Amino acid sequence: MAQTVTECLTAATDSVTLINEVNGGTHNVGTMTQTEINEMVQRNVDHLETILAYTDPDVAGSADDKTSYTTAITTGKQYITDNS
């Protein structure tokens, strides 16, 4: 069964949460190095960019509000820049 746009965006919300928690200092990174944290954030940024580009289902063309996802991408990229 194919996923709907809503299902894809709901699944991507975990990446939004992770990026925002890492940026806010509330995500438990345990003994991870800064490099490992940056790599984790980058994987989640990549995941969000992939989801937002989907055309089947048409996430890219949908009228759904994607602000939290695009904001998390920007936040994640800035976090990596600031912590590199």
Protein backbone atom coordinates (compact mmCIF):
# COMPACT_ATOMS: atom_id res chain seq x y z
CA MET A 1 0.00 0.00 0.00
CA ALA A 2 1.42 3.37 -1.03
CA GLN A 3 1.96 6.09 1.52
CA THR A 4 0.02 9.32 1.46
CA VAL A 5 1.58 12.77 1.64
CA THR A 6 0.39 13.08 5.23
CA GLU A 7 1.98 9.76 6.18
CA CYS A 8 5.29 10.82 4.63
CA LEU A 9 5.30 14.14 6.44
CA THR A 10 4.31 12.50 9.71
CA ALA A 11 7.25 10.11 9.37
CA ALA A 12 9.57 13.06 8.71
CA THR A 13 8.50 14.74 11.93
CA ASP A 14 10.98 12.57 13.88
CA SER A 15 13.81 14.24 11.95
CA VAL A 16 12.39 17.68 12.72
CA THR A 17 12.24 16.80 16.41
CA LEU A 18 15.78 15.43 16.48
CA ILE A 19 17.27 18.47 14.72
CA ASN A 20 15.43 20.89 16.99
CA GLU A 21 16.41 18.98 20.14
CA VAL A 22 20.08 18.78 19.14
CA ASN A 23 20.07 22.48 18.32
CA GLY A 24 18.36 23.29 21.61
CA GLY A 25 20.70 21.10 23.63
CA THR A 26 17.94 18.79 24.86
CA HIS A 27 18.71 15.71 22.76
CA ASN A 28 20.76 13.13 24.67
CA VAL A 29 23.90 12.67 22.60
CA GLY A 30 25.60 10.59 25.27
CA THR A 31 29.27 10.11 24.46
CA MET A 32 28.98 11.16 20.83
CA THR A 33 31.71 13.39 19.43
CA GLN A 34 30.79 16.66 17.75
CA THR A 35 31.64 15.04 14.42
CA GLU A 36 29.21 12.19 15.12
CA ILE A 37 26.51 14.66 16.19
CA ASN A 38 27.03 16.70 13.02
CA GLU A 39 26.80 13.52 10.92
CA MET A 40 23.55 12.55 12.67
CA VAL A 41 22.09 15.99 12.06
CA GLN A 42 23.21 15.84 8.40
CA ARG A 43 21.51 12.45 7.92
CA ASN A 44 18.28 13.94 9.23
CA VAL A 45 18.62 17.05 7.06
CA ASP A 46 19.18 14.74 4.06
CA HIS A 47 16.12 12.69 5.05
CA LEU A 48 13.93 15.79 5.20
CA GLU A 49 15.20 17.06 1.85
CA THR A 50 14.49 13.66 0.30
CA ILE A 51 10.97 13.51 1.73
CA LEU A 52 10.17 17.04 0.57
CA ALA A 53 11.30 16.16 -2.96
CA TYR A 54 9.05 13.08 -3.23
CA THR A 55 6.80 13.06 -6.28
CA ASP A 56 5.07 9.74 -5.50
CA PRO A 57 3.25 10.60 -3.40
CA ASP A 58 3.53 14.20 -4.47
CA VAL A 59 4.92 15.73 -1.30
CA ALA A 60 6.81 18.32 -3.36
CA GLY A 61 3.67 19.59 -5.05
CA SER A 62 1.24 19.26 -2.17
CA ALA A 63 -0.33 22.27 -0.51
CA ASP A 64 0.38 20.84 2.98
CA ASP A 65 2.22 23.20 5.32
CA LYS A 66 5.89 22.21 5.19
CA THR A 67 7.23 25.12 7.23
CA SER A 68 8.40 23.02 10.18
CA TYR A 69 10.34 20.76 7.81
CA THR A 70 12.02 23.53 5.84
CA THR A 71 12.82 25.39 9.06
CA ALA A 72 14.40 22.23 10.53
CA ILE A 73 16.55 21.86 7.39
CA THR A 74 17.79 25.43 7.78
CA THR A 75 18.34 24.93 11.52
CA GLY A 76 20.25 21.69 10.95
CA LYS A 77 22.51 23.20 8.32
CA GLN A 78 23.22 26.20 10.55
CA TYR A 79 23.92 23.91 13.51
CA ILE A 80 26.49 21.99 11.49
CA THR A 81 28.11 25.21 10.27
CA ASP A 82 28.25 26.61 13.80
CA ASN A 83 29.70 23.39 15.23
CA SER A 84 32.26 22.43 12.59
